[in-house]
Amino acid sequence: MKKAYVFPGQGAQFVGMGKELYETSPLAKELFEKANEILGFRITDLMFEGTDEDLRQTKVTQPAIFLHSVILAKTLGETFRPDMTAGHSLGEFSALVAAGALTFEDGLRLVYKRALAMQKACEVKPSTMAAVLALPDEKVEEICASIDEVVVPANYNCPGQIVISGSLNGVEQACEKMKEAGAKRALILKVGGAFHSPLMEPARLELMEAIEGTKISTPVCPVYQNVSTRGETHPRVIKENLIAQLTSPVKWTQSVRQMIADGAGEFVELGPGSVLQGLISKISKEVTVSGKQ
């Protein structure tokens, strides 16, 4: 039975995240301090003692979750022996660092660049996302395609739970149609903008330059990427998928199913919260799921 380590994305943050790690592990403390230096501000102060408001800023949220997840993996030392890794959206960067495809420093720089680029793209055009519950994937796709505005499926989280993304008007129209089609809920989310949609194109172009200039090594195990849903090991393919990720949907359901088909029987979530454990349990009742934070 293979062991898969998975890493959460934006929304998993909480005040106090990583504090215990910092206080109990000299390695964690060293890495957190190195991160403060790279970022040019003390992100640890915001993570350990900040406010919910502080942590909700994309430019803080993304590096904070990345740091918590990656440093946790590093403190596991020899016991961290993944057969495969995957991450949800932002978590894919954590998964790549944990599998040795990216260095800690390069991963952090890319995540921070990604966060700033996404925040900037959100300010260019007001946009949003919405969670749709209890509609088949095909129906959600069909409704999105029927609307003249920009609106697309953004996160395939688990069966019966999809997040859509697009212009304010597009998402509002889609939500109405989803409810008419029998969705249990179609709820607009409190997010900065339309992540994983064509509206993130300016951010993708900005990040593409940074990714192209970053060395990606062959990982120690396959990394299941959001765009392809397959276990990738080739640095060039990993790079291409990472560049496409910002404007493409997060195919989490499909990735987890593929990991199970490839032999994963145990999933361990590393990082803040337990969102992925809940999603994986809904995708399959046959696997064991646990987490560390």
C-alpha atoms as a PDB file:
ATOM      1  CA  MET A   1       0.000   0.000   0.000  1.00  0.00           C
ATOM      2  CA  LYS A   2       1.452   3.335  -1.043  1.00  0.00           C
ATOM      3  CA  LYS A   3       1.546   6.438   1.126  1.00  0.00           C
ATOM      4  CA  ALA A   4       0.545   9.804  -0.318  1.00  0.00           C
ATOM      5  CA  TYR A   5       1.282  13.136   1.347  1.00  0.00           C
ATOM      6  CA  VAL A   6      -1.073  15.983   0.452  1.00  0.00           C
ATOM      7  CA  PHE A   7      -0.803  19.718   1.077  1.00  0.00           C
ATOM      8  CA  PRO A   8      -3.628  22.250   1.565  1.00  0.00           C
ATOM      9  CA  GLY A   9      -4.320  25.470  -0.331  1.00  0.00           C
ATOM     10  CA  GLN A  10      -5.655  28.919   0.470  1.00  0.00           C
ATOM     11  CA  GLY A  11      -8.383  29.029   3.108  1.00  0.00           C
ATOM     12  CA  ALA A  12      -6.732  26.578   5.528  1.00  0.00           C
ATOM     13  CA  GLN A  13      -4.919  29.323   7.489  1.00  0.00           C
ATOM     14  CA  PHE A  14      -5.549  30.092  11.173  1.00  0.00           C
ATOM     15  CA  VAL A  15      -3.939  32.412  13.725  1.00  0.00           C
ATOM     16  CA  GLY A  16      -1.244  30.539  15.642  1.00  0.00           C
ATOM     17  CA  MET A  17      -0.395  28.256  12.712  1.00  0.00           C
ATOM     18  CA  GLY A  18       3.151  26.891  12.923  1.00  0.00           C
ATOM     19  CA  LYS A  19       3.847  28.429  16.353  1.00  0.00           C
ATOM     20  CA  GLU A  20       4.267  25.125  18.164  1.00  0.00           C
ATOM     21  CA  LEU A  21       6.620  23.920  15.406  1.00  0.00           C
ATOM     22  CA  TYR A  22       8.724  27.070  15.767  1.00  0.00           C
ATOM     23  CA  GLU A  23       8.946  26.649  19.538  1.00  0.00           C
ATOM     24  CA  THR A  24       9.706  22.926  19.639  1.00  0.00           C
ATOM     25  CA  SER A  25      11.931  22.290  16.615  1.00  0.00           C
ATOM     26  CA  PRO A  26      15.295  24.034  16.081  1.00  0.00           C
ATOM     27  CA  LEU A  27      15.115  23.115  12.365  1.00  0.00           C
ATOM     28  CA  ALA A  28      11.642  24.669  12.055  1.00  0.00           C
ATOM     29  CA  LYS A  29      12.828  27.830  13.818  1.00  0.00           C
ATOM     30  CA  GLU A  30      15.805  28.106  11.467  1.00  0.00           C
ATOM     31  CA  LEU A  31      13.598  27.700   8.375  1.00  0.00           C
ATOM     32  CA  PHE A  32      10.974  30.171   9.603  1.00  0.00           C
ATOM     33  CA  GLU A  33      13.707  32.754  10.267  1.00  0.00           C
ATOM     34  CA  LYS A  34      15.183  32.121   6.820  1.00  0.00           C
ATOM     35  CA  ALA A  35      11.691  32.760   5.381  1.00  0.00           C
ATOM     36  CA  ASN A  36      11.412  36.078   7.264  1.00  0.00           C
ATOM     37  CA  GLU A  37      14.721  37.081   5.687  1.00  0.00           C
ATOM     38  CA  ILE A  38      13.720  36.042   2.129  1.00  0.00           C
ATOM     39  CA  LEU A  39      10.332  37.797   2.327  1.00  0.00           C
ATOM     40  CA  GLY A  40      11.726  40.951   3.914  1.00  0.00           C
ATOM     41  CA  PHE A  41       9.108  41.012   6.688  1.00  0.00           C
ATOM     42  CA  ARG A  42       8.380  38.884   9.745  1.00  0.00           C
ATOM     43  CA  ILE A  43       5.641  36.639   8.421  1.00  0.00           C
ATOM     44  CA  THR A  44       6.027  34.569  11.604  1.00  0.00           C
ATOM     45  CA  ASP A  45       4.614  37.472  13.661  1.00  0.00           C
ATOM     46  CA  LEU A  46       1.484  37.500  11.480  1.00  0.00           C
ATOM     47  CA  MET A  47       1.161  33.698  11.555  1.00  0.00           C
ATOM     48  CA  PHE A  48       1.622  33.306  15.310  1.00  0.00           C
ATOM     49  CA  GLU A  49       0.052  36.501  16.710  1.00  0.00           C
ATOM     50  CA  GLY A  50      -1.628  38.336  13.818  1.00  0.00           C
ATOM     51  CA  THR A  51      -5.351  38.773  13.212  1.00  0.00           C
ATOM     52  CA  ASP A  52      -7.677  36.820  10.907  1.00  0.00           C
ATOM     53  CA  GLU A  53      -7.697  39.953   8.749  1.00  0.00           C
ATOM     54  CA  ASP A  54      -3.872  39.913   8.454  1.00  0.00           C
ATOM     55  CA  LEU A  55      -3.891  36.268   7.446  1.00  0.00           C
ATOM     56  CA  ARG A  56      -6.640  36.744   4.867  1.00  0.00           C
ATOM     57  CA  GLN A  57      -4.445  38.935   2.644  1.00  0.00           C
ATOM     58  CA  THR A  58      -3.397  36.759  -0.297  1.00  0.00           C
ATOM     59  CA  LYS A  59       0.219  37.981  -0.025  1.00  0.00           C
ATOM     60  CA  VAL A  60       0.324  36.661   3.566  1.00  0.00           C
ATOM     61  CA  THR A  61      -1.992  33.663   3.286  1.00  0.00           C
ATOM     62  CA  GLN A  62      -0.146  31.870   0.518  1.00  0.00           C
ATOM     63  CA  PRO A  63       3.408  31.999   1.920  1.00  0.00           C
ATOM     64  CA  ALA A  64       2.062  31.284   5.436  1.00  0.00           C
ATOM     65  CA  ILE A  65       0.310  28.063   4.388  1.00  0.00           C
ATOM     66  CA  PHE A  66       3.272  27.040   2.224  1.00  0.00           C
ATOM     67  CA  LEU A  67       5.706  27.556   5.135  1.00  0.00           C
ATOM     68  CA  HIS A  68       3.586  25.683   7.647  1.00  0.00           C
ATOM     69  CA  SER A  69       3.177  22.721   5.272  1.00  0.00           C
ATOM     70  CA  VAL A  70       6.749  22.481   3.985  1.00  0.00           C
ATOM     71  CA  ILE A  71       8.454  23.015   7.350  1.00  0.00           C
ATOM     72  CA  LEU A  72       6.219  20.327   8.853  1.00  0.00           C
ATOM     73  CA  ALA A  73       7.388  17.889   6.154  1.00  0.00           C
ATOM     74  CA  LYS A  74      11.027  18.837   6.770  1.00  0.00           C
ATOM     75  CA  THR A  75      10.753  18.242  10.537  1.00  0.00           C
ATOM     76  CA  LEU A  76       9.579  14.660   9.887  1.00  0.00           C
ATOM     77  CA  GLY A  77      13.146  13.900   8.759  1.00  0.00           C
ATOM     78  CA  GLU A  78      13.810  10.249   7.862  1.00  0.00           C
ATOM     79  CA  THR A  79      10.214   9.261   8.567  1.00  0.00           C
ATOM     80  CA  PHE A  80       9.056  11.351   5.587  1.00  0.00           C
ATOM     81  CA  ARG A  81       9.106   8.774   2.800  1.00  0.00           C
ATOM     82  CA  PRO A  82       6.404   9.649   0.284  1.00  0.00           C
ATOM     83  CA  ASP A  83       5.422   7.292  -2.533  1.00  0.00           C
ATOM     84  CA  MET A  84       3.598  10.255  -4.079  1.00  0.00           C
ATOM     85  CA  THR A  85       2.642  13.845  -3.230  1.00  0.00           C
ATOM     86  CA  ALA A  86      -0.044  16.297  -4.344  1.00  0.00           C
ATOM     87  CA  GLY A  87      -1.300  19.704  -3.309  1.00  0.00           C
ATOM     88  CA  HIS A  88      -4.528  21.635  -3.770  1.00  0.00           C
ATOM     89  CA  SER A  89      -3.801  24.771  -5.845  1.00  0.00           C
ATOM     90  CA  LEU A  90      -1.183  26.647  -3.763  1.00  0.00           C
ATOM     91  CA  GLY A  91      -0.459  23.310  -2.044  1.00  0.00           C
ATOM     92  CA  GLU A  92       1.097  22.018  -5.271  1.00  0.00           C
ATOM     93  CA  PHE A  93       4.150  24.202  -4.550  1.00  0.00           C
ATOM     94  CA  SER A  94       4.420  22.605  -1.081  1.00  0.00           C
ATOM     95  CA  ALA A  95       4.125  19.152  -2.687  1.00  0.00           C
ATOM     96  CA  LEU A  96       6.937  19.960  -5.142  1.00  0.00           C
ATOM     97  CA  VAL A  97       9.275  21.206  -2.394  1.00  0.00           C
ATOM     98  CA  ALA A  98       8.464  18.207  -0.172  1.00  0.00           C
ATOM     99  CA  ALA A  99       9.280  15.863  -3.080  1.00  0.00           C
ATOM    100  CA  GLY A 100      12.566  17.660  -3.797  1.00  0.00           C
ATOM    101  CA  ALA A 101      11.584  19.146  -7.180  1.00  0.00           C
ATOM    102  CA  LEU A 102      11.983  22.697  -5.831  1.00  0.00           C
ATOM    103  CA  THR A 103      14.288  24.010  -3.105  1.00  0.00           C
ATOM    104  CA  PHE A 104      12.711  25.563   0.000  1.00  0.00           C
ATOM    105  CA  GLU A 105      14.021  29.006  -0.982  1.00  0.00           C
ATOM    106  CA  ASP A 106      12.887  28.835  -4.622  1.00  0.00           C
ATOM    107  CA  GLY A 107       9.494  27.463  -3.604  1.00  0.00           C
ATOM    108  CA  LEU A 108       8.952  30.340  -1.172  1.00  0.00           C
ATOM    109  CA  ARG A 109      10.026  32.965  -3.723  1.00  0.00           C
ATOM    110  CA  LEU A 110       7.640  31.531  -6.337  1.00  0.00           C
ATOM    111  CA  VAL A 111       4.744  31.333  -3.876  1.00  0.00           C
ATOM    112  CA  TYR A 112       5.256  34.957  -2.822  1.00  0.00           C
ATOM    113  CA  LYS A 113       5.500  36.050  -6.463  1.00  0.00           C
ATOM    114  CA  ARG A 114       2.324  34.060  -7.208  1.00  0.00           C
ATOM    115  CA  ALA A 115       0.463  35.687  -4.309  1.00  0.00           C
ATOM    116  CA  LEU A 116       1.421  39.227  -5.378  1.00  0.00           C
ATOM    117  CA  ALA A 117       0.583  38.514  -9.033  1.00  0.00           C
ATOM    118  CA  MET A 118      -2.827  37.052  -8.108  1.00  0.00           C
ATOM    119  CA  GLN A 119      -3.625  39.992  -5.824  1.00  0.00           C
ATOM    120  CA  LYS A 120      -2.740  42.397  -8.647  1.00  0.00           C
ATOM    121  CA  ALA A 121      -4.896  40.466 -11.173  1.00  0.00           C
ATOM    122  CA  CYS A 122      -7.837  40.616  -8.739  1.00  0.00           C
ATOM    123  CA  GLU A 123      -7.558  44.406  -8.558  1.00  0.00           C
ATOM    124  CA  VAL A 124      -7.649  44.781 -12.364  1.00  0.00           C
ATOM    125  CA  LYS A 125     -11.152  43.346 -12.762  1.00  0.00           C
ATOM    126  CA  PRO A 126     -13.624  42.688  -9.936  1.00  0.00           C
ATOM    127  CA  SER A 127     -14.356  38.980  -9.919  1.00  0.00           C
ATOM    128  CA  THR A 128     -15.333  36.210  -7.539  1.00  0.00           C
ATOM    129  CA  MET A 129     -15.913  32.497  -6.893  1.00  0.00           C
ATOM    130  CA  ALA A 130     -18.867  30.434  -5.650  1.00  0.00           C
ATOM    131  CA  ALA A 131     -19.283  26.973  -4.133  1.00  0.00           C
ATOM    132  CA  VAL A 132     -21.874  24.735  -5.784  1.00  0.00           C
ATOM    133  CA  LEU A 133     -23.172  21.752  -3.817  1.00  0.00           C
ATOM    134  CA  ALA A 134     -25.029  18.642  -4.927  1.00  0.00           C
ATOM    135  CA  LEU A 135     -24.989  19.033  -8.714  1.00  0.00           C
ATOM    136  CA  PRO A 136     -23.207  16.628 -11.082  1.00  0.00           C
ATOM    137  CA  ASP A 137     -19.955  17.969 -12.549  1.00  0.00           C
ATOM    138  CA  GLU A 138     -21.382  17.770 -16.073  1.00  0.00           C
ATOM    139  CA  LYS A 139     -24.362  19.954 -15.132  1.00  0.00           C
ATOM    140  CA  VAL A 140     -22.110  22.600 -13.579  1.00  0.00           C
ATOM    141  CA  GLU A 141     -19.923  22.594 -16.715  1.00  0.00           C
ATOM    142  CA  GLU A 142     -22.993  22.871 -18.957  1.00  0.00           C
ATOM    143  CA  ILE A 143     -24.425  25.858 -17.017  1.00  0.00           C
ATOM    144  CA  CYS A 144     -21.076  27.684 -17.002  1.00  0.00           C
ATOM    145  CA  ALA A 145     -20.761  27.183 -20.765  1.00  0.00           C
ATOM    146  CA  SER A 146     -24.265  28.587 -21.329  1.00  0.00           C
ATOM    147  CA  ILE A 147     -23.433  32.017 -19.835  1.00  0.00           C
ATOM    148  CA  ASP A 148     -22.045  34.845 -21.974  1.00  0.00           C
ATOM    149  CA  GLU A 149     -19.813  36.211 -19.219  1.00  0.00           C
ATOM    150  CA  VAL A 150     -16.553  34.616 -18.002  1.00  0.00           C
ATOM    151  CA  VAL A 151     -17.502  31.790 -15.614  1.00  0.00           C
ATOM    152  CA  VAL A 152     -15.800  28.385 -15.382  1.00  0.00           C
ATOM    153  CA  PRO A 153     -15.474  25.389 -13.034  1.00  0.00           C
ATOM    154  CA  ALA A 154     -12.367  26.195 -10.938  1.00  0.00           C
ATOM    155  CA  ASN A 155     -12.068  23.497  -8.248  1.00  0.00           C
ATOM    156  CA  TYR A 156     -13.341  19.933  -8.563  1.00  0.00           C
ATOM    157  CA  ASN A 157     -13.097  19.326  -4.800  1.00  0.00           C
ATOM    158  CA  CYS A 158     -15.062  16.101  -4.368  1.00  0.00           C
ATOM    159  CA  PRO A 159     -18.205  14.559  -5.880  1.00  0.00           C
ATOM    160  CA  GLY A 160     -21.038  17.074  -5.435  1.00  0.00           C
ATOM    161  CA  GLN A 161     -18.752  19.978  -4.521  1.00  0.00           C
ATOM    162  CA  ILE A 162     -17.411  22.267  -7.237  1.00  0.00           C
ATOM    163  CA  VAL A 163     -16.211  25.855  -6.993  1.00  0.00           C
ATOM    164  CA  ILE A 164     -16.887  28.098  -9.985  1.00  0.00           C
ATOM    165  CA  SER A 165     -14.933  31.243 -10.841  1.00  0.00           C
ATOM    166  CA  GLY A 166     -15.406  34.288 -13.056  1.00  0.00           C
ATOM    167  CA  SER A 167     -16.715  37.838 -13.403  1.00  0.00           C
ATOM    168  CA  LEU A 168     -19.121  39.103 -10.713  1.00  0.00           C
ATOM    169  CA  ASN A 169     -22.045  39.088 -13.140  1.00  0.00           C
ATOM    170  CA  GLY A 170     -21.112  35.702 -14.622  1.00  0.00           C
ATOM    171  CA  VAL A 171     -20.880  33.988 -11.255  1.00  0.00           C
ATOM    172  CA  GLU A 172     -24.160  35.555 -10.051  1.00  0.00           C
ATOM    173  CA  GLN A 173     -25.998  34.403 -13.194  1.00  0.00           C
ATOM    174  CA  ALA A 174     -24.504  30.924 -12.884  1.00  0.00           C
ATOM    175  CA  CYS A 175     -25.531  30.655  -9.220  1.00  0.00           C
ATOM    176  CA  GLU A 176     -29.153  31.416 -10.121  1.00  0.00           C
ATOM    177  CA  LYS A 177     -29.135  28.756 -12.841  1.00  0.00           C
ATOM    178  CA  MET A 178     -27.452  26.212 -10.538  1.00  0.00           C
ATOM    179  CA  LYS A 179     -30.206  26.689  -7.946  1.00  0.00           C
ATOM    180  CA  GLU A 180     -32.872  26.311 -10.641  1.00  0.00           C
ATOM    181  CA  ALA A 181     -31.156  23.084 -11.736  1.00  0.00           C
ATOM    182  CA  GLY A 182     -31.451  21.693  -8.199  1.00  0.00           C
ATOM    183  CA  ALA A 183     -28.174  22.628  -6.480  1.00  0.00           C
ATOM    184  CA  LYS A 184     -28.484  22.370  -2.692  1.00  0.00           C
ATOM    185  CA  ARG A 185     -26.397  25.544  -2.438  1.00  0.00           C
ATOM    186  CA  ALA A 186     -24.714  28.004  -4.789  1.00  0.00           C
ATOM    187  CA  LEU A 187     -22.899  30.317  -2.432  1.00  0.00           C
ATOM    188  CA  ILE A 188     -20.660  33.233  -3.394  1.00  0.00           C
ATOM    189  CA  LEU A 189     -17.378  32.998  -1.471  1.00  0.00           C
ATOM    190  CA  LYS A 190     -15.424  35.730   0.314  1.00  0.00           C
ATOM    191  CA  VAL A 191     -12.355  35.603  -1.906  1.00  0.00           C
ATOM    192  CA  GLY A 192     -10.169  38.213  -3.565  1.00  0.00           C
ATOM    193  CA  GLY A 193     -11.075  37.250  -7.112  1.00  0.00           C
ATOM    194  CA  ALA A 194     -11.560  34.640  -9.810  1.00  0.00           C
ATOM    195  CA  PHE A 195      -8.739  32.197  -9.129  1.00  0.00           C
ATOM    196  CA  HIS A 196      -8.215  29.369 -11.674  1.00  0.00           C
ATOM    197  CA  SER A 197     -10.098  31.193 -14.414  1.00  0.00           C
ATOM    198  CA  PRO A 198      -9.097  33.055 -17.617  1.00  0.00           C
ATOM    199  CA  LEU A 199      -9.196  36.272 -15.542  1.00  0.00           C
ATOM    200  CA  MET A 200      -5.914  35.158 -13.933  1.00  0.00           C
ATOM    201  CA  GLU A 201      -4.083  35.449 -17.275  1.00  0.00           C
ATOM    202  CA  PRO A 202      -2.064  38.566 -16.225  1.00  0.00           C
ATOM    203  CA  ALA A 203      -0.895  36.669 -13.121  1.00  0.00           C
ATOM    204  CA  ARG A 204      -0.052  33.583 -15.190  1.00  0.00           C
ATOM    205  CA  LEU A 205       2.164  35.609 -17.520  1.00  0.00           C
ATOM    206  CA  GLU A 206       3.953  37.223 -14.584  1.00  0.00           C
ATOM    207  CA  LEU A 207       4.479  33.903 -12.824  1.00  0.00           C
ATOM    208  CA  MET A 208       5.521  32.148 -16.043  1.00  0.00           C
ATOM    209  CA  GLU A 209       8.629  34.304 -16.224  1.00  0.00           C
ATOM    210  CA  ALA A 210       9.571  33.437 -12.631  1.00  0.00           C
ATOM    211  CA  ILE A 211       8.887  29.695 -13.103  1.00  0.00           C
ATOM    212  CA  GLU A 212      10.901  29.602 -16.341  1.00  0.00           C
ATOM    213  CA  GLY A 213      13.839  31.107 -14.478  1.00  0.00           C
ATOM    214  CA  THR A 214      13.658  28.587 -11.615  1.00  0.00           C
ATOM    215  CA  LYS A 215      15.418  25.224 -11.584  1.00  0.00           C
ATOM    216  CA  ILE A 216      13.080  22.251 -11.192  1.00  0.00           C
ATOM    217  CA  SER A 217      14.746  18.927 -10.369  1.00  0.00           C
ATOM    218  CA  THR A 218      13.451  15.378 -10.782  1.00  0.00           C
ATOM    219  CA  PRO A 219      11.352  14.713  -7.644  1.00  0.00           C
ATOM    220  CA  VAL A 220      11.985  11.706  -5.367  1.00  0.00           C
ATOM    221  CA  CYS A 221       8.449  10.480  -6.147  1.00  0.00           C
ATOM    222  CA  PRO A 222       5.667  11.349  -8.611  1.00  0.00           C
ATOM    223  CA  VAL A 223       3.865  14.641  -7.918  1.00  0.00           C
ATOM    224  CA  TYR A 224       0.204  14.543  -8.978  1.00  0.00           C
ATOM    225  CA  GLN A 225      -0.468  17.940 -10.498  1.00  0.00           C
ATOM    226  CA  ASN A 226      -3.791  19.818 -10.552  1.00  0.00           C
ATOM    227  CA  VAL A 227      -3.724  20.371 -14.317  1.00  0.00           C
ATOM    228  CA  SER A 228      -2.823  16.891 -15.599  1.00  0.00           C
ATOM    229  CA  THR A 229      -4.042  14.775 -12.598  1.00  0.00           C
ATOM    230  CA  ARG A 230      -1.160  12.368 -13.325  1.00  0.00           C
ATOM    231  CA  GLY A 231       1.956  11.568 -11.313  1.00  0.00           C
ATOM    232  CA  GLU A 232       4.631  13.710 -12.944  1.00  0.00           C
ATOM    233  CA  THR A 233       8.410  13.326 -12.587  1.00  0.00           C
ATOM    234  CA  HIS A 234       9.798  15.104 -15.656  1.00  0.00           C
ATOM    235  CA  PRO A 235      11.013  18.641 -14.753  1.00  0.00           C
ATOM    236  CA  ARG A 236       9.854  20.162 -18.067  1.00  0.00           C
ATOM    237  CA  VAL A 237       6.331  18.717 -17.719  1.00  0.00           C
ATOM    238  CA  ILE A 238       6.158  19.817 -14.071  1.00  0.00           C
ATOM    239  CA  LYS A 239       7.134  23.347 -15.158  1.00  0.00           C
ATOM    240  CA  GLU A 240       4.498  23.482 -17.928  1.00  0.00           C
ATOM    241  CA  ASN A 241       1.733  22.269 -15.601  1.00  0.00           C
ATOM    242  CA  LEU A 242       2.769  24.765 -12.936  1.00  0.00           C
ATOM    243  CA  ILE A 243       2.569  27.617 -15.466  1.00  0.00           C
ATOM    244  CA  ALA A 244      -0.882  26.465 -16.670  1.00  0.00           C
ATOM    245  CA  GLN A 245      -2.205  26.030 -13.126  1.00  0.00           C
ATOM    246  CA  LEU A 246      -3.360  29.613 -12.441  1.00  0.00           C
ATOM    247  CA  THR A 247      -5.834  29.727 -15.341  1.00  0.00           C
ATOM    248  CA  SER A 248      -6.844  26.034 -15.255  1.00  0.00           C
ATOM    249  CA  PRO A 249      -9.185  24.163 -12.918  1.00  0.00           C
ATOM    250  CA  VAL A 250      -7.883  22.330  -9.855  1.00  0.00           C
ATOM    251  CA  LYS A 251      -8.860  18.735 -10.659  1.00  0.00           C
ATOM    252  CA  TRP A 252      -8.609  17.452  -7.105  1.00  0.00           C
ATOM    253  CA  THR A 253     -11.259  14.702  -7.339  1.00  0.00           C
ATOM    254  CA  GLN A 254      -9.630  13.341 -10.499  1.00  0.00           C
ATOM    255  CA  SER A 255      -6.096  13.548  -8.998  1.00  0.00           C
ATOM    256  CA  VAL A 256      -7.062  11.654  -5.837  1.00  0.00           C
ATOM    257  CA  ARG A 257      -8.840   8.965  -7.878  1.00  0.00           C
ATOM    258  CA  GLN A 258      -5.735   8.595 -10.034  1.00  0.00           C
ATOM    259  CA  MET A 259      -3.505   8.315  -6.948  1.00  0.00           C
ATOM    260  CA  ILE A 260      -5.760   5.560  -5.598  1.00  0.00           C
ATOM    261  CA  ALA A 261      -5.707   3.798  -8.996  1.00  0.00           C
ATOM    262  CA  ASP A 262      -1.891   3.989  -8.819  1.00  0.00           C
ATOM    263  CA  GLY A 263      -1.831   2.256  -5.436  1.00  0.00           C
ATOM    264  CA  ALA A 264      -2.320   4.955  -2.761  1.00  0.00           C
ATOM    265  CA  GLY A 265      -4.057   3.471   0.278  1.00  0.00           C
ATOM    266  CA  GLU A 266      -2.964   5.974   2.933  1.00  0.00           C
ATOM    267  CA  PHE A 267      -3.218   9.763   2.680  1.00  0.00           C
ATOM    268  CA  VAL A 268      -1.532  12.134   5.147  1.00  0.00           C
ATOM    269  CA  GLU A 269      -2.323  15.857   5.055  1.00  0.00           C
ATOM    270  CA  LEU A 270       0.532  18.119   6.163  1.00  0.00           C
ATOM    271  CA  GLY A 271      -0.266  21.739   6.973  1.00  0.00           C
ATOM    272  CA  PRO A 272      -2.961  23.855   8.597  1.00  0.00           C
ATOM    273  CA  GLY A 273      -6.527  22.560   8.903  1.00  0.00           C
ATOM    274  CA  SER A 274      -8.039  19.296   7.730  1.00  0.00           C
ATOM    275  CA  VAL A 275      -9.940  20.323   4.575  1.00  0.00           C
ATOM    276  CA  LEU A 276      -8.231  17.796   2.303  1.00  0.00           C
ATOM    277  CA  GLN A 277      -8.836  14.932   4.730  1.00  0.00           C
ATOM    278  CA  GLY A 278     -12.565  15.684   4.505  1.00  0.00           C
ATOM    279  CA  LEU A 279     -12.508  15.862   0.698  1.00  0.00           C
ATOM    280  CA  ILE A 280     -10.503  12.637   0.302  1.00  0.00           C
ATOM    281  CA  SER A 281     -12.908  10.798   2.644  1.00  0.00           C
ATOM    282  CA  LYS A 282     -15.771  11.876   0.367  1.00  0.00           C
ATOM    283  CA  ILE A 283     -13.887  10.805  -2.770  1.00  0.00           C
ATOM    284  CA  SER A 284     -13.158   7.313  -1.408  1.00  0.00           C
ATOM    285  CA  LYS A 285     -14.258   5.320   1.631  1.00  0.00           C
ATOM    286  CA  GLU A 286     -11.588   2.683   0.930  1.00  0.00           C
ATOM    287  CA  VAL A 287      -8.489   4.692   2.003  1.00  0.00           C
ATOM    288  CA  THR A 288      -7.156   5.795   5.373  1.00  0.00           C
ATOM    289  CA  VAL A 289      -6.797   9.519   5.964  1.00  0.00           C
ATOM    290  CA  SER A 290      -4.914  11.412   8.672  1.00  0.00           C
ATOM    291  CA  GLY A 291      -3.112  14.701   9.199  1.00  0.00           C
ATOM    292  CA  LYS A 292      -0.455  16.664  11.074  1.00  0.00           C
ATOM    293  CA  GLN A 293      -0.447  20.401  11.730  1.00  0.00           C
END
